[in-house]
């Protein structure tokens, strides 16, 4: 199961990297279009879709790499028992919030598909297609937080938990 989950998180990270390259391509198409007096229809909308995909698909990958910003001021000044209780409470809250985000993102995709919502720009893209990246990213984030909570409760070290115990450094 661990290899499968890591594959999911890494796969989402690689997919986000491809969307980042797509964003670059769309921006370059717009720049070249202005330089050579042609209009690449819909490229600005697709650049926006790709940026949203990058943002959501990297959430779980970033969490599992311990790269999310954490405020550990309180955690550094409490005992081990209080630290563990606070960590578990924070993870439970994160699971609830991420699950709600995933649920409503999936619901939005379904509604856009059902109502045949299309983009208001010149590309007229069915909105459920770019919204899929948000639903997938939010779902993977919820899974990653559940994964972290299970590891924390089982007593396994989590990547960001190790960083929280390290003193802050200025580099």
N, C-alpha and C. Protein backbone atom coordinates (compact mmCIF):
# COMPACT_ATOMS: atom_id res chain seq x y z
N UNK A 1 0.82 -1.19 0.00
CA UNK A 1 0.00 0.00 0.00
C UNK A 1 0.87 1.27 0.00
N UNK A 2 1.99 1.22 0.75
CA UNK A 2 2.87 2.38 0.83
C UNK A 2 3.42 2.76 -0.54
N UNK A 3 3.84 1.75 -1.32
CA UNK A 3 4.39 2.04 -2.65
C UNK A 3 3.32 2.63 -3.56
N UNK A 4 2.10 2.12 -3.46
CA UNK A 4 1.01 2.63 -4.28
C UNK A 4 0.71 4.09 -3.95
N UNK A 5 0.63 4.41 -2.66
CA UNK A 5 0.36 5.79 -2.26
C UNK A 5 1.49 6.72 -2.69
N UNK A 6 2.72 6.29 -2.48
CA UNK A 6 3.85 7.12 -2.92
C UNK A 6 3.84 7.31 -4.44
N UNK A 7 3.43 6.26 -5.16
CA UNK A 7 3.31 6.37 -6.61
C UNK A 7 2.24 7.41 -6.98
N UNK A 8 1.12 7.40 -6.27
CA UNK A 8 0.07 8.39 -6.51
C UNK A 8 0.57 9.82 -6.28
N UNK A 9 1.22 10.03 -5.14
CA UNK A 9 1.71 11.37 -4.80
C UNK A 9 2.76 11.83 -5.82
N UNK A 10 3.69 10.95 -6.15
CA UNK A 10 4.73 11.31 -7.12
C UNK A 10 4.15 11.50 -8.52
N UNK A 11 3.19 10.65 -8.88
CA UNK A 11 2.55 10.79 -10.18
C UNK A 11 1.84 12.13 -10.32
N UNK A 12 1.18 12.55 -9.25
CA UNK A 12 0.51 13.86 -9.27
C UNK A 12 1.54 14.98 -9.40
N UNK A 13 2.68 14.81 -8.75
CA UNK A 13 3.75 15.81 -8.86
C UNK A 13 4.29 15.90 -10.28
N UNK A 14 4.49 14.75 -10.92
CA UNK A 14 4.98 14.74 -12.30
C UNK A 14 3.93 15.32 -13.25
N UNK A 15 2.67 14.99 -13.01
CA UNK A 15 1.59 15.54 -13.83
C UNK A 15 1.53 17.06 -13.68
N UNK A 16 1.72 17.54 -12.46
CA UNK A 16 1.76 18.98 -12.23
C UNK A 16 2.92 19.62 -12.98
N UNK A 17 4.05 18.94 -13.03
CA UNK A 17 5.20 19.46 -13.78
C UNK A 17 4.87 19.58 -15.27
N UNK A 18 4.13 18.61 -15.80
CA UNK A 18 3.72 18.69 -17.20
C UNK A 18 2.76 19.86 -17.42
N UNK A 19 1.86 20.09 -16.47
CA UNK A 19 0.97 21.24 -16.58
C UNK A 19 1.74 22.56 -16.48
N UNK A 20 2.82 22.55 -15.72
CA UNK A 20 3.65 23.75 -15.63
C UNK A 20 4.30 24.03 -16.99
N UNK A 21 4.75 22.98 -17.65
CA UNK A 21 5.31 23.14 -18.99
C UNK A 21 4.22 23.62 -19.95
N UNK A 22 3.01 23.10 -19.78
CA UNK A 22 1.88 23.56 -20.59
C UNK A 22 1.58 25.04 -20.36
N UNK A 23 1.70 25.49 -19.12
CA UNK A 23 1.51 26.91 -18.81
C UNK A 23 2.54 27.74 -19.56
N UNK A 24 3.78 27.30 -19.51
CA UNK A 24 4.84 28.00 -20.24
C UNK A 24 4.52 28.05 -21.73
N UNK A 25 4.06 26.94 -22.30
CA UNK A 25 3.73 26.90 -23.72
C UNK A 25 2.61 27.88 -24.06
N UNK A 26 1.60 27.96 -23.20
CA UNK A 26 0.49 28.88 -23.46
C UNK A 26 0.95 30.34 -23.37
N UNK A 27 1.78 30.64 -22.38
CA UNK A 27 2.30 32.00 -22.24
C UNK A 27 3.17 32.35 -23.44
N UNK A 28 4.02 31.43 -23.85
CA UNK A 28 4.87 31.67 -25.02
C UNK A 28 4.02 31.85 -26.28
N UNK A 29 2.95 31.09 -26.41
CA UNK A 29 2.06 31.24 -27.56
C UNK A 29 1.46 32.65 -27.58
N UNK A 30 1.08 33.15 -26.41
CA UNK A 30 0.54 34.51 -26.34
C UNK A 30 1.59 35.55 -26.70
N UNK A 31 2.80 35.38 -26.19
CA UNK A 31 3.88 36.32 -26.48
C UNK A 31 4.21 36.32 -27.97
N UNK A 32 4.37 35.12 -28.52
CA UNK A 32 4.67 35.02 -29.95
C UNK A 32 3.51 35.54 -30.80
N UNK A 33 2.29 35.32 -30.32
CA UNK A 33 1.13 35.83 -31.04
C UNK A 33 1.13 37.35 -31.12
N UNK A 34 1.53 37.99 -30.03
CA UNK A 34 1.61 39.45 -30.04
C UNK A 34 2.75 39.93 -30.95
N UNK A 35 3.86 39.21 -30.92
CA UNK A 35 5.01 39.60 -31.73
C UNK A 35 4.74 39.46 -33.23
N UNK A 36 4.02 38.39 -33.60
CA UNK A 36 3.81 38.10 -35.01
C UNK A 36 2.37 38.34 -35.46
N UNK A 37 1.63 39.07 -34.63
CA UNK A 37 0.29 39.54 -34.96
C UNK A 37 -0.70 38.42 -35.31
N UNK A 38 -0.78 37.42 -34.43
CA UNK A 38 -1.83 36.41 -34.55
C UNK A 38 -2.36 36.13 -33.14
N UNK A 39 -3.57 35.62 -33.06
CA UNK A 39 -4.21 35.40 -31.77
C UNK A 39 -4.42 33.91 -31.54
N UNK A 40 -3.62 33.31 -30.65
CA UNK A 40 -3.85 31.90 -30.32
C UNK A 40 -5.09 31.77 -29.44
N UNK A 41 -6.20 31.50 -30.04
CA UNK A 41 -7.51 31.51 -29.37
C UNK A 41 -7.54 30.57 -28.16
N UNK A 42 -7.93 31.10 -27.03
CA UNK A 42 -8.11 30.31 -25.82
C UNK A 42 -6.85 30.04 -25.03
N UNK A 43 -5.70 30.49 -25.51
CA UNK A 43 -4.45 30.16 -24.81
C UNK A 43 -4.38 30.79 -23.42
N UNK A 44 -4.97 31.96 -23.24
CA UNK A 44 -4.96 32.57 -21.91
C UNK A 44 -5.84 31.77 -20.94
N UNK A 45 -6.96 31.25 -21.42
CA UNK A 45 -7.82 30.42 -20.57
C UNK A 45 -7.11 29.12 -20.20
N UNK A 46 -6.45 28.52 -21.19
CA UNK A 46 -5.74 27.27 -20.91
C UNK A 46 -4.56 27.48 -19.96
N UNK A 47 -3.91 28.62 -20.07
CA UNK A 47 -2.84 28.92 -19.11
C UNK A 47 -3.41 28.96 -17.70
N UNK A 48 -4.58 29.56 -17.55
CA UNK A 48 -5.24 29.60 -16.24
C UNK A 48 -5.62 28.21 -15.75
N UNK A 49 -6.17 27.38 -16.65
CA UNK A 49 -6.52 26.01 -16.28
C UNK A 49 -5.29 25.24 -15.83
N UNK A 50 -4.18 25.43 -16.54
CA UNK A 50 -2.95 24.71 -16.21
C UNK A 50 -2.37 25.17 -14.88
N UNK A 51 -2.45 26.47 -14.59
CA UNK A 51 -1.96 26.97 -13.30
C UNK A 51 -2.78 26.37 -12.16
N UNK A 52 -4.10 26.31 -12.35
CA UNK A 52 -4.95 25.68 -11.32
C UNK A 52 -4.59 24.21 -11.14
N UNK A 53 -4.33 23.52 -12.24
CA UNK A 53 -3.94 22.11 -12.16
C UNK A 53 -2.63 21.95 -11.39
N UNK A 54 -1.66 22.81 -11.68
CA UNK A 54 -0.38 22.76 -10.96
C UNK A 54 -0.62 22.97 -9.48
N UNK A 55 -1.42 23.96 -9.14
CA UNK A 55 -1.66 24.30 -7.74
C UNK A 55 -2.27 23.14 -6.96
N UNK A 56 -3.26 22.49 -7.54
CA UNK A 56 -3.95 21.43 -6.81
C UNK A 56 -3.21 20.09 -6.86
N UNK A 57 -2.60 19.77 -7.98
CA UNK A 57 -1.94 18.47 -8.09
C UNK A 57 -0.66 18.39 -7.25
N UNK A 58 -0.10 19.51 -6.89
CA UNK A 58 1.12 19.48 -6.07
C UNK A 58 0.85 19.42 -4.57
N UNK A 59 -0.39 19.58 -4.15
CA UNK A 59 -0.69 19.65 -2.71
C UNK A 59 -0.26 18.39 -1.95
N UNK A 60 -0.69 17.23 -2.40
CA UNK A 60 -0.35 15.98 -1.69
C UNK A 60 1.14 15.69 -1.78
N UNK A 61 1.70 15.90 -2.96
CA UNK A 61 3.13 15.66 -3.16
C UNK A 61 3.95 16.54 -2.22
N UNK A 62 3.58 17.80 -2.12
CA UNK A 62 4.30 18.73 -1.25
C UNK A 62 4.14 18.35 0.22
N UNK A 63 2.94 17.94 0.62
CA UNK A 63 2.71 17.52 2.01
C UNK A 63 3.60 16.33 2.36
N UNK A 64 3.63 15.34 1.49
CA UNK A 64 4.40 14.14 1.79
C UNK A 64 5.91 14.37 1.75
N UNK A 65 6.35 15.43 1.14
CA UNK A 65 7.77 15.79 1.13
C UNK A 65 8.13 16.68 2.31
N UNK A 66 7.14 17.04 3.11
CA UNK A 66 7.40 17.89 4.28
C UNK A 66 7.67 19.34 3.91
N UNK A 67 7.13 19.79 2.78
CA UNK A 67 7.41 21.13 2.30
C UNK A 67 6.30 22.14 2.57
N UNK A 68 5.20 21.71 3.17
CA UNK A 68 4.15 22.67 3.53
C UNK A 68 4.65 23.56 4.67
N UNK A 69 4.22 24.78 4.67
CA UNK A 69 4.61 25.71 5.73
C UNK A 69 3.91 25.31 7.02
N UNK A 70 4.68 25.21 8.09
CA UNK A 70 4.12 24.85 9.39
C UNK A 70 4.56 25.88 10.41
N UNK A 71 3.63 26.26 11.25
CA UNK A 71 3.95 27.16 12.35
C UNK A 71 4.12 26.28 13.58
N UNK A 72 5.35 26.17 14.04
CA UNK A 72 5.67 25.23 15.12
C UNK A 72 6.03 25.92 16.42
N UNK A 73 5.70 27.18 16.53
CA UNK A 73 6.06 27.95 17.72
C UNK A 73 5.54 27.28 19.00
N UNK A 74 4.30 26.86 18.99
CA UNK A 74 3.71 26.22 20.17
C UNK A 74 4.29 24.82 20.36
N UNK A 75 4.42 24.07 19.27
CA UNK A 75 4.90 22.70 19.37
C UNK A 75 6.30 22.60 19.96
N UNK A 76 7.11 23.62 19.74
CA UNK A 76 8.48 23.60 20.26
C UNK A 76 8.55 23.89 21.75
N UNK A 77 7.46 24.39 22.33
CA UNK A 77 7.51 24.80 23.73
C UNK A 77 6.59 23.99 24.64
N UNK A 78 6.07 22.87 24.16
CA UNK A 78 5.24 22.02 25.00
C UNK A 78 5.92 20.66 25.15
N UNK A 79 5.46 19.91 26.12
CA UNK A 79 6.02 18.59 26.36
C UNK A 79 5.61 17.59 25.27
N UNK A 80 6.16 16.42 25.37
CA UNK A 80 5.95 15.38 24.35
C UNK A 80 4.48 14.97 24.25
N UNK A 81 3.80 14.82 25.39
CA UNK A 81 2.39 14.40 25.38
C UNK A 81 1.52 15.47 24.73
N UNK A 82 1.72 16.71 25.13
CA UNK A 82 0.94 17.82 24.57
C UNK A 82 1.24 17.99 23.08
N UNK A 83 2.51 17.80 22.72
CA UNK A 83 2.90 17.90 21.32
C UNK A 83 2.16 16.86 20.49
N UNK A 84 2.14 15.63 20.97
CA UNK A 84 1.46 14.55 20.25
C UNK A 84 -0.03 14.83 20.14
N UNK A 85 -0.65 15.30 21.22
CA UNK A 85 -2.08 15.60 21.20
C UNK A 85 -2.39 16.73 20.22
N UNK A 86 -1.55 17.75 20.21
CA UNK A 86 -1.75 18.86 19.27
C UNK A 86 -1.56 18.39 17.83
N UNK A 87 -0.55 17.57 17.60
CA UNK A 87 -0.31 17.04 16.25
C UNK A 87 -1.53 16.24 15.76
N UNK A 88 -2.05 15.38 16.62
CA UNK A 88 -3.21 14.56 16.23
C UNK A 88 -4.42 15.45 15.98
N UNK A 89 -4.66 16.43 16.85
CA UNK A 89 -5.79 17.35 16.66
C UNK A 89 -5.66 18.12 15.35
N UNK A 90 -4.47 18.58 15.05
CA UNK A 90 -4.25 19.30 13.79
C UNK A 90 -4.47 18.40 12.59
N UNK A 91 -4.02 17.17 12.69
CA UNK A 91 -4.19 16.24 11.57
C UNK A 91 -5.66 15.87 11.37
N UNK A 92 -6.39 15.69 12.47
CA UNK A 92 -7.83 15.41 12.35
C UNK A 92 -8.53 16.59 11.68
N UNK A 93 -8.19 17.80 12.10
CA UNK A 93 -8.77 19.00 11.47
C UNK A 93 -8.43 19.06 9.98
N UNK A 94 -7.18 18.77 9.66
CA UNK A 94 -6.74 18.80 8.26
C UNK A 94 -7.47 17.74 7.44
N UNK A 95 -7.67 16.56 8.01
CA UNK A 95 -8.40 15.50 7.30
C UNK A 95 -9.83 15.97 7.02
N UNK A 96 -10.47 16.55 8.02
CA UNK A 96 -11.85 17.02 7.84
C UNK A 96 -11.94 18.11 6.77
N UNK A 97 -11.03 19.08 6.84
CA UNK A 97 -11.05 20.17 5.86
C UNK A 97 -10.71 19.68 4.45
N UNK A 98 -9.70 18.84 4.34
CA UNK A 98 -9.30 18.33 3.02
C UNK A 98 -10.39 17.43 2.44
N UNK A 99 -11.04 16.66 3.28
CA UNK A 99 -12.14 15.80 2.80
C UNK A 99 -13.31 16.64 2.33
N UNK A 100 -13.63 17.71 3.05
CA UNK A 100 -14.70 18.61 2.61
C UNK A 100 -14.33 19.26 1.28
N UNK A 101 -13.09 19.72 1.15
CA UNK A 101 -12.65 20.31 -0.11
C UNK A 101 -12.76 19.29 -1.25
N UNK A 102 -12.34 18.06 -1.00
CA UNK A 102 -12.43 17.02 -2.03
C UNK A 102 -13.89 16.75 -2.41
N UNK A 103 -14.74 16.63 -1.40
CA UNK A 103 -16.16 16.35 -1.65
C UNK A 103 -16.79 17.43 -2.52
N UNK A 104 -16.58 18.69 -2.13
CA UNK A 104 -17.21 19.78 -2.88
C UNK A 104 -16.56 19.98 -4.25
N UNK A 105 -15.30 19.64 -4.38
CA UNK A 105 -14.64 19.72 -5.69
C UNK A 105 -15.21 18.66 -6.64
N UNK A 106 -15.38 17.46 -6.13
CA UNK A 106 -15.96 16.38 -6.94
C UNK A 106 -17.40 16.74 -7.31
N UNK A 107 -18.11 17.28 -6.36
CA UNK A 107 -19.50 17.70 -6.60
C UNK A 107 -19.57 18.79 -7.68
N UNK A 108 -18.63 19.73 -7.64
CA UNK A 108 -18.58 20.79 -8.65
C UNK A 108 -18.34 20.21 -10.04
N UNK A 109 -17.41 19.26 -10.14
CA UNK A 109 -17.14 18.61 -11.43
C UNK A 109 -18.40 17.92 -11.93
N UNK A 110 -19.07 17.21 -11.05
CA UNK A 110 -20.28 16.49 -11.46
C UNK A 110 -21.38 17.45 -11.91
N UNK A 111 -21.55 18.56 -11.18
CA UNK A 111 -22.56 19.53 -11.57
C UNK A 111 -22.22 20.20 -12.90
N UNK A 112 -20.96 20.53 -13.10
CA UNK A 112 -20.55 21.13 -14.37
C UNK A 112 -20.77 20.17 -15.53
N UNK A 113 -20.52 18.90 -15.29
CA UNK A 113 -20.75 17.89 -16.31
C UNK A 113 -22.25 17.74 -16.60
N UNK A 114 -23.03 17.66 -15.53
CA UNK A 114 -24.48 17.46 -15.66
C UNK A 114 -25.15 18.64 -16.36
N UNK A 115 -24.75 19.86 -15.98
CA UNK A 115 -25.38 21.05 -16.54
C UNK A 115 -24.73 21.52 -17.85
N UNK A 116 -23.71 20.81 -18.31
CA UNK A 116 -23.00 21.16 -19.55
C UNK A 116 -22.44 22.58 -19.49
N UNK A 117 -21.85 22.94 -18.34
CA UNK A 117 -21.21 24.25 -18.19
C UNK A 117 -20.02 24.35 -19.13
N UNK A 118 -19.90 25.49 -19.79
CA UNK A 118 -18.74 25.72 -20.65
C UNK A 118 -18.08 27.03 -20.26
N UNK A 119 -16.84 27.16 -20.63
CA UNK A 119 -16.07 28.37 -20.35
C UNK A 119 -16.69 29.56 -21.07
N UNK A 120 -16.62 30.72 -20.44
CA UNK A 120 -17.16 31.94 -21.05
C UNK A 120 -16.20 32.56 -22.05
N UNK A 121 -14.96 32.08 -22.09
CA UNK A 121 -14.00 32.64 -23.03
C UNK A 121 -14.18 32.00 -24.41
N UNK A 122 -13.33 32.39 -25.33
CA UNK A 122 -13.48 31.94 -26.72
C UNK A 122 -13.23 30.44 -26.92
N UNK A 123 -12.62 29.78 -25.95
CA UNK A 123 -12.32 28.36 -26.12
C UNK A 123 -13.54 27.47 -25.91
N UNK A 124 -14.55 27.94 -25.15
CA UNK A 124 -15.79 27.19 -24.89
C UNK A 124 -15.52 25.77 -24.40
N UNK A 125 -14.53 25.62 -23.53
CA UNK A 125 -14.18 24.31 -22.96
C UNK A 125 -15.23 23.88 -21.95
N UNK A 126 -15.68 22.62 -22.00
CA UNK A 126 -16.54 22.13 -20.91
C UNK A 126 -15.78 22.25 -19.58
N UNK A 127 -16.38 22.93 -18.61
CA UNK A 127 -15.65 23.27 -17.38
C UNK A 127 -15.29 22.06 -16.53
N UNK A 128 -16.00 20.96 -16.68
CA UNK A 128 -15.68 19.81 -15.85
C UNK A 128 -14.28 19.28 -16.16
N UNK A 129 -13.79 19.53 -17.37
CA UNK A 129 -12.47 19.01 -17.74
C UNK A 129 -11.36 19.70 -16.93
N UNK A 130 -11.26 21.05 -16.93
CA UNK A 130 -10.22 21.65 -16.09
C UNK A 130 -10.50 21.51 -14.59
N UNK A 131 -11.76 21.36 -14.22
CA UNK A 131 -12.09 21.20 -12.80
C UNK A 131 -11.66 19.84 -12.26
N UNK A 132 -11.45 18.88 -13.15
CA UNK A 132 -11.01 17.55 -12.71
C UNK A 132 -9.69 17.61 -11.94
N UNK A 133 -8.78 18.47 -12.39
CA UNK A 133 -7.49 18.56 -11.69
C UNK A 133 -7.67 19.03 -10.25
N UNK A 134 -8.62 19.94 -10.03
CA UNK A 134 -8.90 20.39 -8.67
C UNK A 134 -9.46 19.24 -7.83
N UNK A 135 -10.42 18.50 -8.39
CA UNK A 135 -11.02 17.38 -7.66
C UNK A 135 -9.99 16.29 -7.36
N UNK A 136 -9.16 15.97 -8.35
CA UNK A 136 -8.14 14.94 -8.14
C UNK A 136 -7.11 15.41 -7.11
N UNK A 137 -6.65 16.64 -7.24
CA UNK A 137 -5.67 17.17 -6.29
C UNK A 137 -6.21 17.24 -4.88
N UNK A 138 -7.45 17.69 -4.73
CA UNK A 138 -8.05 17.78 -3.40
C UNK A 138 -8.26 16.39 -2.80
N UNK A 139 -8.66 15.44 -3.63
CA UNK A 139 -8.84 14.06 -3.15
C UNK A 139 -7.50 13.46 -2.71
N UNK A 140 -6.47 13.68 -3.50
CA UNK A 140 -5.14 13.18 -3.11
C UNK A 140 -4.64 13.85 -1.84
N UNK A 141 -4.96 15.13 -1.66
CA UNK A 141 -4.57 15.81 -0.42
C UNK A 141 -5.28 15.18 0.78
N UNK A 142 -6.57 14.90 0.63
CA UNK A 142 -7.31 14.24 1.73
C UNK A 142 -6.70 12.88 2.04
N UNK A 143 -6.37 12.11 1.00
CA UNK A 143 -5.75 10.80 1.21
C UNK A 143 -4.40 10.97 1.90
N UNK A 144 -3.63 11.96 1.49
CA UNK A 144 -2.31 12.19 2.10
C UNK A 144 -2.44 12.57 3.57
N UNK A 145 -3.42 13.40 3.91
CA UNK A 145 -3.61 13.75 5.31
C UNK A 145 -4.08 12.54 6.13
N UNK A 146 -4.93 11.71 5.56
CA UNK A 146 -5.34 10.48 6.24
C UNK A 146 -4.12 9.59 6.44
N UNK A 147 -3.30 9.48 5.42
CA UNK A 147 -2.06 8.70 5.49
C UNK A 147 -1.17 9.22 6.62
N UNK A 148 -1.01 10.54 6.70
CA UNK A 148 -0.19 11.14 7.75
C UNK A 148 -0.80 10.90 9.13
N UNK A 149 -2.13 11.02 9.25
CA UNK A 149 -2.79 10.80 10.53
C UNK A 149 -2.62 9.36 11.00
N UNK A 150 -2.79 8.41 10.10
CA UNK A 150 -2.62 6.99 10.45
C UNK A 150 -1.18 6.74 10.90
N UNK A 151 -0.22 7.30 10.18
CA UNK A 151 1.19 7.12 10.55
C UNK A 151 1.47 7.74 11.92
N UNK A 152 0.90 8.90 12.17
CA UNK A 152 1.11 9.59 13.45
C UNK A 152 0.52 8.78 14.60
N UNK A 153 -0.70 8.29 14.42
CA UNK A 153 -1.36 7.51 15.48
C UNK A 153 -0.61 6.20 15.71
N UNK A 154 -0.10 5.60 14.63
CA UNK A 154 0.64 4.33 14.75
C UNK A 154 2.03 4.53 15.35
N UNK A 155 2.45 5.77 15.51
CA UNK A 155 3.75 6.04 16.09
C UNK A 155 4.89 6.08 15.11
N UNK A 156 4.57 6.04 13.82
CA UNK A 156 5.60 6.15 12.78
C UNK A 156 5.96 7.62 12.60
N UNK A 157 7.22 7.90 12.35
CA UNK A 157 7.59 9.31 12.15
C UNK A 157 7.03 9.82 10.82
N UNK A 158 6.53 11.04 10.86
CA UNK A 158 6.10 11.69 9.62
C UNK A 158 7.17 12.69 9.23
N UNK A 159 7.26 12.95 7.96
CA UNK A 159 8.32 13.83 7.47
C UNK A 159 8.23 15.23 8.08
N UNK A 160 7.04 15.79 8.08
CA UNK A 160 6.92 17.14 8.62
C UNK A 160 6.98 17.14 10.14
N UNK A 161 6.62 16.04 10.76
CA UNK A 161 6.73 15.95 12.22
C UNK A 161 8.18 16.01 12.67
N UNK A 162 9.08 15.42 11.88
CA UNK A 162 10.50 15.48 12.20
C UNK A 162 11.01 16.91 12.07
N UNK A 163 10.54 17.62 11.07
CA UNK A 163 10.96 19.01 10.88
C UNK A 163 10.44 19.90 11.98
N UNK A 164 9.28 19.58 12.53
CA UNK A 164 8.70 20.41 13.59
C UNK A 164 9.54 20.35 14.86
N UNK A 165 10.20 19.23 15.07
CA UNK A 165 11.04 19.09 16.28
C UNK A 165 12.41 19.72 16.12
N UNK A 166 12.78 20.05 14.89
CA UNK A 166 14.07 20.69 14.67
C UNK A 166 13.93 22.20 14.95
N UNK A 167 14.91 22.79 15.55
CA UNK A 167 14.83 24.23 15.78
C UNK A 167 14.85 24.99 14.45
N UNK A 168 14.18 26.13 14.44
CA UNK A 168 14.13 26.94 13.22
C UNK A 168 15.52 27.46 12.89
N UNK A 169 15.83 27.47 11.59
CA UNK A 169 17.14 27.96 11.14
C UNK A 169 16.92 29.10 10.16
N UNK A 170 17.80 30.05 10.22
CA UNK A 170 17.82 31.12 9.23
C UNK A 170 18.94 30.80 8.25
N UNK A 171 18.60 30.68 6.99
CA UNK A 171 19.63 30.36 5.99
C UNK A 171 19.80 31.49 5.04
